Amino acid sequence: MKREVPMVLALVFAIIRIGFELLQPMIAWEFAPGKTVFTRLSFSLTFMSVMGLLMGLINLSRQHINTIRRKREHWVYSVWLLIVLYGYAIIGLIWGPDSNTFIWIYDALIVPLDSTMFSMLAFFIASAAYRAFRIRNVESTILLVVAFIVMLGNVSIGEMIWSSEAWLGGFKGIKDWILSVPNTAHARALSIGIFLGAYAAAIRVFLGLDKKYLGGTD
């Protein structure tokens, strides 16, 4: 029963959700004046997402508390993480997200740290681009040329070298064509592949062929 009940519930709710997506009259079903079944189901999904976030918070706290208790390597960072996590949450709950203290912490600490992290990542991206764009074969040559054109189409020096008023619209015109035609075709093909993969995975779960979400191994 521990495995059959979750499987049946997953199948039933999947059928209900598919019905709401495919059958327009089901969206207007009301179990009370002004209260539709669809909105209540959407609220239930939101509630489950919040509970998932809560479980993640509990699990994170347990792991770092164990690290502090056993004095593992770099346990001081776990102390700081818990202080910042719960301290910022308490400030937001007591004084609200619009309070001066809450906003000051975000603007004075989180934004600079976020900018610093992305600045550091820029060097890793540059080194990765150097390794990826080295000319080894025809494919890497095409990748390098396209990346160079797109880069010049986004910076002012590219406009100075080949103006957008010139033939083919300059680097900017070629860049716009690359992004709107080949890149869009690639993105749509990738989206179709992702959809088919997700659809196949969902079908396996609904039919009981994939039971990993029940815990344990098959």
Protein backbone atom coordinates (compact mmCIF):
# COMPACT_ATOMS: atom_id res chain seq x y z
CA MET A 1 0.00 0.00 0.00
CA LYS A 2 2.91 2.35 0.62
CA ARG A 3 3.74 2.20 -3.07
CA GLU A 4 0.34 1.64 -4.66
CA VAL A 5 -1.42 4.62 -3.05
CA PRO A 6 1.10 7.27 -4.24
CA MET A 7 1.04 5.71 -7.73
CA VAL A 8 -2.76 5.86 -7.88
CA LEU A 9 -2.80 9.45 -6.59
CA ALA A 10 -0.20 10.50 -9.16
CA LEU A 11 -2.22 8.93 -11.97
CA VAL A 12 -5.55 10.43 -10.81
CA PHE A 13 -4.20 13.95 -10.41
CA ALA A 14 -2.39 13.69 -13.73
CA ILE A 15 -5.63 12.78 -15.48
CA ILE A 16 -7.41 15.66 -13.75
CA ARG A 17 -4.70 18.12 -14.75
CA ILE A 18 -4.72 16.91 -18.35
CA GLY A 19 -8.49 17.29 -18.40
CA PHE A 20 -8.22 20.92 -17.27
CA GLU A 21 -5.66 21.59 -20.00
CA LEU A 22 -7.59 19.90 -22.81
CA LEU A 23 -11.24 20.48 -21.88
CA GLN A 24 -12.17 24.14 -21.67
CA PRO A 25 -15.47 23.62 -19.73
CA MET A 26 -13.59 22.02 -16.83
CA ILE A 27 -11.80 25.32 -16.09
CA ALA A 28 -15.16 26.97 -15.31
CA TRP A 29 -16.30 24.28 -12.87
CA GLU A 30 -17.29 25.82 -9.54
CA PHE A 31 -17.77 24.01 -6.24
CA ALA A 32 -18.93 27.31 -4.67
CA PRO A 33 -19.91 30.72 -6.06
CA GLY A 34 -16.77 32.39 -7.38
CA LYS A 35 -14.55 29.43 -6.42
CA THR A 36 -13.45 27.20 -9.25
CA VAL A 37 -11.83 23.80 -8.93
CA PHE A 38 -8.97 24.92 -11.17
CA THR A 39 -7.97 27.81 -8.90
CA ARG A 40 -8.06 25.55 -5.84
CA LEU A 41 -5.84 23.00 -7.56
CA SER A 42 -3.43 25.78 -8.51
CA PHE A 43 -3.40 26.91 -4.88
CA SER A 44 -2.67 23.32 -3.82
CA LEU A 45 0.33 23.21 -6.15
CA THR A 46 1.57 26.50 -4.70
CA PHE A 47 1.13 25.13 -1.19
CA MET A 48 3.12 22.00 -2.10
CA SER A 49 5.89 24.18 -3.52
CA VAL A 50 6.04 26.15 -0.28
CA MET A 51 6.14 22.93 1.75
CA GLY A 52 8.95 21.67 -0.46
CA LEU A 53 10.87 24.88 0.26
CA LEU A 54 10.21 24.40 3.98
CA MET A 55 11.51 20.82 3.87
CA GLY A 56 14.61 22.04 2.06
CA LEU A 57 15.15 24.67 4.76
CA ILE A 58 14.81 22.05 7.50
CA ASN A 59 17.22 19.69 5.75
CA LEU A 60 19.76 22.48 5.18
CA SER A 61 19.56 23.50 8.83
CA ARG A 62 20.03 19.92 10.04
CA GLN A 63 23.10 19.40 7.90
CA HIS A 64 24.81 22.59 9.04
CA ILE A 65 23.85 22.06 12.69
CA ASN A 66 25.49 18.64 12.52
CA THR A 67 28.57 20.24 10.94
CA ILE A 68 28.76 22.76 13.79
CA ARG A 69 28.15 20.14 16.48
CA ARG A 70 30.92 17.86 15.20
CA LYS A 71 33.30 20.75 14.49
CA ARG A 72 33.99 19.62 10.97
CA GLU A 73 36.30 21.51 8.62
CA HIS A 74 35.10 25.08 7.91
CA TRP A 75 32.29 24.74 10.46
CA VAL A 76 32.46 28.51 11.07
CA TYR A 77 30.94 29.06 7.62
CA SER A 78 27.97 26.95 8.68
CA VAL A 79 27.49 29.25 11.69
CA TRP A 80 27.50 32.30 9.44
CA LEU A 81 25.09 30.67 7.00
CA LEU A 82 22.52 29.93 9.72
CA ILE A 83 22.89 33.41 11.27
CA VAL A 84 22.39 35.15 7.94
CA LEU A 85 19.61 32.81 6.81
CA TYR A 86 17.43 33.04 9.90
CA GLY A 87 18.45 36.59 10.81
CA TYR A 88 17.39 37.99 7.45
CA ALA A 89 14.19 35.93 7.52
CA ILE A 90 13.31 37.20 11.01
CA ILE A 91 13.93 40.81 9.98
CA GLY A 92 11.64 40.34 6.99
CA LEU A 93 8.91 38.69 9.06
CA ILE A 94 8.96 41.28 11.87
CA TRP A 95 9.51 44.56 10.01
CA GLY A 96 8.36 43.45 6.55
CA PRO A 97 10.12 43.34 3.18
CA ASP A 98 9.57 47.10 2.69
CA SER A 99 11.38 48.13 5.88
CA ASN A 100 14.52 50.26 5.64
CA THR A 101 16.62 47.63 7.43
CA PHE A 102 15.54 44.84 5.11
CA ILE A 103 16.13 46.94 1.99
CA TRP A 104 19.48 48.27 3.28
CA ILE A 105 20.81 44.75 3.90
CA TYR A 106 19.81 43.78 0.37
CA ASP A 107 21.25 46.87 -1.33
CA ALA A 108 24.41 47.16 0.80
CA LEU A 109 25.34 43.48 1.14
CA ILE A 110 23.52 41.13 -1.21
CA VAL A 111 23.79 43.25 -4.37
CA PRO A 112 27.58 43.87 -4.04
CA LEU A 113 28.19 40.20 -3.22
CA ASP A 114 26.08 39.17 -6.20
CA SER A 115 28.01 41.53 -8.49
CA THR A 116 31.32 40.23 -7.13
CA MET A 117 30.30 36.63 -7.76
CA PHE A 118 29.32 37.35 -11.36
CA SER A 119 32.54 39.31 -11.89
CA MET A 120 34.53 36.28 -10.74
CA LEU A 121 32.49 34.02 -12.98
CA ALA A 122 33.40 36.22 -15.95
CA PHE A 123 37.02 35.01 -15.71
CA PHE A 124 35.91 31.37 -15.66
CA ILE A 125 33.66 32.03 -18.67
CA ALA A 126 36.56 33.68 -20.51
CA SER A 127 38.88 30.73 -19.83
CA ALA A 128 36.18 28.26 -20.87
CA ALA A 129 35.54 30.24 -24.06
CA TYR A 130 39.24 30.20 -24.86
CA ARG A 131 39.35 26.41 -24.55
CA ALA A 132 36.11 25.94 -26.51
CA PHE A 133 36.89 28.38 -29.33
CA ARG A 134 40.34 27.11 -30.22
CA ILE A 135 40.40 26.17 -33.89
CA ARG A 136 40.73 22.40 -34.18
CA ASN A 137 38.28 21.52 -36.94
CA VAL A 138 35.55 23.00 -39.14
CA GLU A 139 32.93 23.01 -36.36
CA SER A 140 35.12 24.91 -33.91
CA THR A 141 36.03 27.38 -36.67
CA ILE A 142 32.35 28.09 -37.37
CA LEU A 143 31.72 28.48 -33.64
CA LEU A 144 34.59 30.93 -33.30
CA VAL A 145 33.50 33.04 -36.30
CA VAL A 146 29.85 33.19 -35.17
CA ALA A 147 30.84 34.08 -31.60
CA PHE A 148 33.16 36.81 -32.88
CA ILE A 149 30.42 38.31 -35.09
CA VAL A 150 27.82 38.24 -32.28
CA MET A 151 30.31 39.83 -29.88
CA LEU A 152 31.13 42.63 -32.32
CA GLY A 153 27.43 43.15 -33.00
CA ASN A 154 26.84 43.86 -29.29
CA VAL A 155 29.70 46.30 -28.62
CA SER A 156 30.31 49.83 -29.84
CA ILE A 157 33.64 49.02 -31.47
CA GLY A 158 31.80 46.71 -33.87
CA GLU A 159 29.62 49.63 -34.93
CA MET A 160 32.76 51.70 -35.55
CA ILE A 161 34.36 48.97 -37.69
CA TRP A 162 31.25 48.11 -39.72
CA SER A 163 28.31 50.46 -39.29
CA SER A 164 24.75 49.22 -39.17
CA GLU A 165 23.99 51.67 -41.99
CA ALA A 166 26.40 49.83 -44.30
CA TRP A 167 25.94 46.70 -46.43
CA LEU A 168 24.05 43.87 -44.71
CA GLY A 169 23.50 46.11 -41.69
CA GLY A 170 27.06 45.67 -40.46
CA PHE A 171 27.95 43.38 -37.60
CA LYS A 172 24.69 44.29 -35.87
CA GLY A 173 22.59 43.22 -38.85
CA ILE A 174 24.38 39.90 -39.21
CA LYS A 175 24.16 39.37 -35.45
CA ASP A 176 20.40 39.99 -35.48
CA TRP A 177 19.97 37.53 -38.36
CA ILE A 178 21.99 34.85 -36.57
CA LEU A 179 19.92 35.24 -33.40
CA SER A 180 16.56 35.42 -35.16
CA VAL A 181 17.01 32.62 -37.74
CA PRO A 182 19.61 29.88 -36.97
CA ASN A 183 19.54 30.42 -33.20
CA THR A 184 15.73 30.46 -33.08
CA ALA A 185 15.53 27.27 -35.15
CA HIS A 186 18.00 25.60 -32.80
CA ALA A 187 16.13 26.81 -29.71
CA ARG A 188 12.80 25.51 -31.05
CA ALA A 189 14.28 22.13 -31.91
CA LEU A 190 15.81 21.95 -28.45
CA SER A 191 12.49 22.92 -26.85
CA ILE A 192 10.68 20.18 -28.80
CA GLY A 193 13.27 17.63 -27.66
CA ILE A 194 12.95 18.74 -24.04
CA PHE A 195 9.14 18.54 -24.26
CA LEU A 196 9.21 15.04 -25.70
CA GLY A 197 11.67 13.91 -23.02
CA ALA A 198 9.57 15.42 -20.23
CA TYR A 199 6.40 13.93 -21.72
CA ALA A 200 7.98 10.47 -21.90
CA ALA A 201 9.22 10.76 -18.31
CA ALA A 202 5.75 11.83 -17.13
CA ILE A 203 4.10 8.93 -18.96
CA ARG A 204 6.52 6.50 -17.28
CA VAL A 205 5.61 7.91 -13.87
CA PHE A 206 1.86 7.87 -14.54
CA LEU A 207 1.94 4.26 -15.78
CA GLY A 208 4.02 3.09 -12.84
CA LEU A 209 7.07 2.23 -14.95
CA ASP A 210 9.26 4.69 -13.04
CA LYS A 211 8.96 4.40 -9.26
CA LYS A 212 11.98 6.41 -8.15
CA TYR A 213 9.78 9.14 -6.66
CA LEU A 214 8.48 6.55 -4.18
CA GLY A 215 11.92 6.21 -2.62
CA GLY A 216 14.33 3.30 -2.73
CA THR A 217 15.51 1.60 -5.89
CA ASP A 218 13.59 -0.35 -8.50
